[in-house]
Amino acid sequence: NKLIDIEFGRFFLNYIADEIKLNKIDKPKLFKFPDTGNRKSGFTGILMLAESHISIHTWPEKKYAAVDVFSCASVNKAKHAFSLLEKGFKPGSVKKTEFKRV
């Protein structure tokens, strides 16, 4: 399950930045939440970029992930990042919200 696989999250944050040629400031920082009973918990991760950041928060119990791609690079790079995310996570449904930055 990719929503509990912190190493997949780490790989994917790096992959997105490399693939769309954004400038990483540091390695991705991820935190795996402790499992509770039989319930597997998700993770939160962020990759700081010269252009801003990419973050991911997962809730496997809800089969849900929230991903933010904040960038002062071209809008096309952010759109490409989301197409890569869709290919990697293969979600059942996607809701995208785009905000133009000043």
N, C-alpha and C. Protein backbone atom coordinates (compact mmCIF):
# COMPACT_ATOMS: atom_id res chain seq x y z
N ASN A 1 0.84 -1.18 0.00
CA ASN A 1 0.00 0.00 0.00
C ASN A 1 0.89 1.24 0.00
N LYS A 2 0.80 2.03 -1.03
CA LYS A 2 1.66 3.20 -1.18
C LYS A 2 1.36 4.29 -0.16
N LEU A 3 0.17 4.26 0.43
CA LEU A 3 -0.19 5.27 1.42
C LEU A 3 0.46 5.05 2.77
N ILE A 4 1.08 3.89 2.99
CA ILE A 4 1.81 3.64 4.23
C ILE A 4 3.31 3.45 3.98
N ASP A 5 3.71 3.44 2.73
CA ASP A 5 5.10 3.15 2.35
C ASP A 5 5.93 4.44 2.32
N ILE A 6 6.58 4.75 3.44
CA ILE A 6 7.33 5.99 3.55
C ILE A 6 8.50 6.03 2.56
N GLU A 7 9.08 4.90 2.25
CA GLU A 7 10.19 4.90 1.28
C GLU A 7 9.68 5.20 -0.13
N PHE A 8 8.48 4.76 -0.45
CA PHE A 8 7.89 5.14 -1.73
C PHE A 8 7.67 6.65 -1.75
N GLY A 9 7.19 7.22 -0.65
CA GLY A 9 7.00 8.66 -0.56
C GLY A 9 8.30 9.42 -0.77
N ARG A 10 9.37 8.95 -0.14
CA ARG A 10 10.69 9.58 -0.28
C ARG A 10 11.16 9.51 -1.74
N PHE A 11 11.06 8.32 -2.32
CA PHE A 11 11.45 8.14 -3.72
C PHE A 11 10.64 9.07 -4.62
N PHE A 12 9.34 9.13 -4.38
CA PHE A 12 8.49 9.87 -5.29
C PHE A 12 8.70 11.38 -5.21
N LEU A 13 8.93 11.92 -4.01
CA LEU A 13 9.23 13.34 -3.89
C LEU A 13 10.49 13.70 -4.68
N ASN A 14 11.52 12.87 -4.53
CA ASN A 14 12.76 13.09 -5.30
C ASN A 14 12.51 12.95 -6.80
N TYR A 15 11.77 11.92 -7.16
CA TYR A 15 11.51 11.64 -8.58
C TYR A 15 10.79 12.82 -9.25
N ILE A 16 9.77 13.34 -8.59
CA ILE A 16 9.03 14.47 -9.18
C ILE A 16 9.95 15.66 -9.40
N ALA A 17 10.71 16.03 -8.37
CA ALA A 17 11.61 17.19 -8.51
C ALA A 17 12.63 16.98 -9.61
N ASP A 18 13.20 15.78 -9.67
CA ASP A 18 14.19 15.49 -10.71
C ASP A 18 13.57 15.50 -12.11
N GLU A 19 12.40 14.89 -12.22
CA GLU A 19 11.76 14.73 -13.51
C GLU A 19 11.33 16.08 -14.11
N ILE A 20 10.86 17.00 -13.27
CA ILE A 20 10.42 18.29 -13.82
C ILE A 20 11.47 19.39 -13.61
N LYS A 21 12.66 18.94 -13.21
CA LYS A 21 13.82 19.83 -13.12
C LYS A 21 13.62 21.02 -12.18
N LEU A 22 13.18 20.68 -10.94
CA LEU A 22 13.13 21.68 -9.88
C LEU A 22 14.37 21.51 -9.01
N ASN A 23 14.76 22.56 -8.33
CA ASN A 23 16.02 22.58 -7.57
C ASN A 23 15.79 22.25 -6.10
N LYS A 24 16.24 21.05 -5.70
CA LYS A 24 16.08 20.60 -4.31
C LYS A 24 17.06 21.37 -3.42
N ILE A 25 16.56 21.85 -2.29
CA ILE A 25 17.41 22.52 -1.30
C ILE A 25 18.03 21.48 -0.37
N ASP A 26 17.31 20.43 -0.09
CA ASP A 26 17.75 19.39 0.83
C ASP A 26 17.05 18.09 0.44
N LYS A 27 17.35 17.03 1.17
CA LYS A 27 16.67 15.76 0.97
C LYS A 27 15.24 15.87 1.50
N PRO A 28 14.33 15.02 1.01
CA PRO A 28 12.97 15.02 1.55
C PRO A 28 12.98 14.69 3.04
N LYS A 29 12.09 15.33 3.76
CA LYS A 29 11.90 15.05 5.19
C LYS A 29 10.55 14.37 5.32
N LEU A 30 10.56 13.17 5.91
CA LEU A 30 9.31 12.42 6.06
C LEU A 30 9.15 11.95 7.50
N PHE A 31 7.90 11.83 7.92
CA PHE A 31 7.57 11.35 9.25
C PHE A 31 6.48 10.30 9.12
N LYS A 32 6.73 9.11 9.65
CA LYS A 32 5.75 8.02 9.64
C LYS A 32 5.02 8.04 10.98
N PHE A 33 3.71 8.14 10.92
CA PHE A 33 2.93 8.15 12.15
C PHE A 33 2.85 6.74 12.71
N PRO A 34 2.82 6.60 14.04
CA PRO A 34 2.78 5.26 14.63
C PRO A 34 1.47 4.53 14.32
N ASP A 35 1.60 3.24 14.05
CA ASP A 35 0.42 2.41 13.82
C ASP A 35 -0.34 2.29 15.15
N THR A 36 -1.65 2.16 15.05
CA THR A 36 -2.46 1.99 16.25
C THR A 36 -3.28 0.71 16.12
N GLY A 37 -2.98 -0.24 17.00
CA GLY A 37 -3.66 -1.53 16.93
C GLY A 37 -3.39 -2.20 15.60
N ASN A 38 -4.45 -2.63 14.94
CA ASN A 38 -4.33 -3.27 13.63
C ASN A 38 -4.33 -2.25 12.50
N ARG A 39 -4.47 -0.98 12.83
CA ARG A 39 -4.58 0.07 11.81
C ARG A 39 -3.21 0.63 11.44
N LYS A 40 -2.88 0.55 10.18
CA LYS A 40 -1.63 1.12 9.67
C LYS A 40 -1.82 2.61 9.47
N SER A 41 -0.85 3.38 9.93
CA SER A 41 -0.93 4.83 9.81
C SER A 41 -0.14 5.33 8.61
N GLY A 42 -0.45 6.53 8.22
CA GLY A 42 0.19 7.14 7.05
C GLY A 42 1.45 7.89 7.38
N PHE A 43 1.83 8.77 6.48
CA PHE A 43 3.04 9.56 6.66
C PHE A 43 2.83 10.96 6.10
N THR A 44 3.72 11.84 6.49
CA THR A 44 3.77 13.20 5.98
C THR A 44 5.18 13.44 5.47
N GLY A 45 5.29 14.09 4.34
CA GLY A 45 6.62 14.39 3.79
C GLY A 45 6.64 15.73 3.09
N ILE A 46 7.82 16.32 3.08
CA ILE A 46 8.00 17.59 2.38
C ILE A 46 9.37 17.62 1.73
N LEU A 47 9.42 18.20 0.57
CA LEU A 47 10.67 18.42 -0.14
C LEU A 47 10.77 19.91 -0.40
N MET A 48 11.74 20.54 0.22
CA MET A 48 11.95 21.98 0.03
C MET A 48 12.69 22.20 -1.28
N LEU A 49 12.19 23.17 -2.04
CA LEU A 49 12.75 23.50 -3.35
C LEU A 49 13.16 24.97 -3.39
N ALA A 50 14.09 25.30 -4.24
CA ALA A 50 14.41 26.70 -4.47
C ALA A 50 13.17 27.42 -4.96
N GLU A 51 12.31 26.71 -5.68
CA GLU A 51 11.09 27.27 -6.25
C GLU A 51 9.91 27.24 -5.27
N SER A 52 10.01 26.55 -4.15
CA SER A 52 9.02 26.48 -3.08
C SER A 52 9.04 25.08 -2.45
N HIS A 53 7.98 24.25 -2.60
CA HIS A 53 8.01 22.92 -1.99
C HIS A 53 6.95 22.00 -2.60
N ILE A 54 7.15 20.70 -2.32
CA ILE A 54 6.15 19.67 -2.63
C ILE A 54 5.91 18.94 -1.31
N SER A 55 4.65 18.75 -0.95
CA SER A 55 4.35 18.02 0.29
C SER A 55 3.29 16.95 0.02
N ILE A 56 3.30 15.95 0.90
CA ILE A 56 2.32 14.87 0.80
C ILE A 56 1.92 14.46 2.21
N HIS A 57 0.64 14.20 2.39
CA HIS A 57 0.08 13.74 3.66
C HIS A 57 -0.85 12.58 3.32
N THR A 58 -0.68 11.44 3.98
CA THR A 58 -1.50 10.27 3.64
C THR A 58 -2.34 9.81 4.83
N TRP A 59 -3.54 9.32 4.51
CA TRP A 59 -4.46 8.74 5.47
C TRP A 59 -4.92 7.41 4.88
N PRO A 60 -4.18 6.33 5.13
CA PRO A 60 -4.56 5.04 4.52
C PRO A 60 -5.92 4.53 4.97
N GLU A 61 -6.32 4.86 6.18
CA GLU A 61 -7.63 4.40 6.66
C GLU A 61 -8.78 5.02 5.87
N LYS A 62 -8.51 6.15 5.23
CA LYS A 62 -9.52 6.81 4.39
C LYS A 62 -9.21 6.64 2.90
N LYS A 63 -8.11 5.92 2.62
CA LYS A 63 -7.64 5.74 1.24
C LYS A 63 -7.48 7.10 0.56
N TYR A 64 -6.75 7.99 1.25
CA TYR A 64 -6.67 9.38 0.84
C TYR A 64 -5.25 9.92 0.99
N ALA A 65 -4.86 10.73 0.02
CA ALA A 65 -3.58 11.46 0.11
C ALA A 65 -3.84 12.89 -0.36
N ALA A 66 -3.23 13.83 0.34
CA ALA A 66 -3.27 15.23 -0.06
C ALA A 66 -1.86 15.61 -0.49
N VAL A 67 -1.74 16.15 -1.67
CA VAL A 67 -0.43 16.53 -2.21
C VAL A 67 -0.49 18.00 -2.61
N ASP A 68 0.52 18.74 -2.19
CA ASP A 68 0.63 20.15 -2.57
C ASP A 68 1.90 20.33 -3.38
N VAL A 69 1.76 21.01 -4.50
CA VAL A 69 2.92 21.39 -5.31
C VAL A 69 2.90 22.91 -5.39
N PHE A 70 3.73 23.55 -4.58
CA PHE A 70 3.83 25.00 -4.60
C PHE A 70 5.10 25.35 -5.35
N SER A 71 4.96 26.19 -6.36
CA SER A 71 6.12 26.51 -7.18
C SER A 71 5.97 27.85 -7.86
N CYS A 72 7.06 28.60 -7.88
CA CYS A 72 7.07 29.83 -8.66
C CYS A 72 7.60 29.55 -10.07
N ALA A 73 7.86 28.27 -10.35
CA ALA A 73 8.24 27.87 -11.71
C ALA A 73 6.97 27.88 -12.57
N SER A 74 7.08 27.51 -13.80
CA SER A 74 5.93 27.57 -14.70
C SER A 74 4.79 26.67 -14.23
N VAL A 75 3.58 27.07 -14.55
CA VAL A 75 2.39 26.29 -14.23
C VAL A 75 2.48 24.91 -14.87
N ASN A 76 3.10 24.82 -16.04
CA ASN A 76 3.23 23.54 -16.72
C ASN A 76 4.03 22.54 -15.89
N LYS A 77 5.02 23.03 -15.12
CA LYS A 77 5.79 22.11 -14.27
C LYS A 77 4.91 21.53 -13.17
N ALA A 78 4.06 22.36 -12.58
CA ALA A 78 3.16 21.86 -11.53
C ALA A 78 2.17 20.85 -12.13
N LYS A 79 1.65 21.14 -13.30
CA LYS A 79 0.72 20.21 -13.95
C LYS A 79 1.42 18.90 -14.29
N HIS A 80 2.66 18.97 -14.73
CA HIS A 80 3.43 17.75 -15.01
C HIS A 80 3.65 16.96 -13.73
N ALA A 81 3.92 17.66 -12.62
CA ALA A 81 4.11 16.98 -11.33
C ALA A 81 2.86 16.19 -10.96
N PHE A 82 1.69 16.78 -11.17
CA PHE A 82 0.46 16.06 -10.83
C PHE A 82 0.21 14.88 -11.75
N SER A 83 0.59 14.98 -13.01
CA SER A 83 0.42 13.82 -13.89
C SER A 83 1.34 12.68 -13.42
N LEU A 84 2.54 13.02 -12.94
CA LEU A 84 3.45 11.99 -12.41
C LEU A 84 2.88 11.38 -11.13
N LEU A 85 2.30 12.20 -10.28
CA LEU A 85 1.68 11.69 -9.06
C LEU A 85 0.54 10.73 -9.37
N GLU A 86 -0.27 11.08 -10.34
CA GLU A 86 -1.39 10.20 -10.72
C GLU A 86 -0.88 8.87 -11.24
N LYS A 87 0.19 8.90 -12.03
CA LYS A 87 0.77 7.65 -12.55
C LYS A 87 1.36 6.82 -11.43
N GLY A 88 2.02 7.48 -10.46
CA GLY A 88 2.68 6.76 -9.38
C GLY A 88 1.73 6.19 -8.35
N PHE A 89 0.74 6.97 -7.94
CA PHE A 89 -0.18 6.53 -6.89
C PHE A 89 -1.41 5.82 -7.44
N LYS A 90 -1.74 6.03 -8.70
CA LYS A 90 -2.89 5.39 -9.35
C LYS A 90 -4.16 5.51 -8.50
N PRO A 91 -4.56 6.76 -8.19
CA PRO A 91 -5.75 6.93 -7.35
C PRO A 91 -7.04 6.59 -8.07
N GLY A 92 -8.06 6.25 -7.29
CA GLY A 92 -9.37 5.98 -7.86
C GLY A 92 -10.04 7.25 -8.35
N SER A 93 -9.75 8.37 -7.68
CA SER A 93 -10.28 9.66 -8.11
C SER A 93 -9.29 10.76 -7.70
N VAL A 94 -9.40 11.88 -8.38
CA VAL A 94 -8.48 13.01 -8.15
C VAL A 94 -9.29 14.29 -8.11
N LYS A 95 -8.98 15.13 -7.15
CA LYS A 95 -9.54 16.48 -7.12
C LYS A 95 -8.37 17.45 -7.11
N LYS A 96 -8.32 18.32 -8.10
CA LYS A 96 -7.22 19.29 -8.21
C LYS A 96 -7.78 20.69 -7.99
N THR A 97 -7.00 21.49 -7.28
CA THR A 97 -7.33 22.90 -7.11
C THR A 97 -6.07 23.68 -7.46
N GLU A 98 -6.22 24.63 -8.35
CA GLU A 98 -5.07 25.43 -8.77
C GLU A 98 -5.24 26.87 -8.30
N PHE A 99 -4.19 27.38 -7.69
CA PHE A 99 -4.18 28.76 -7.23
C PHE A 99 -3.04 29.48 -7.94
N LYS A 100 -3.33 30.61 -8.50
CA LYS A 100 -2.29 31.42 -9.13
C LYS A 100 -1.59 32.21 -8.05
N ARG A 101 -0.26 32.14 -8.04
CA ARG A 101 0.52 32.89 -7.06
C ARG A 101 0.82 34.28 -7.58
N VAL A 102 0.93 35.19 -6.68
CA VAL A 102 1.22 36.59 -7.06
C VAL A 102 2.69 36.73 -7.40
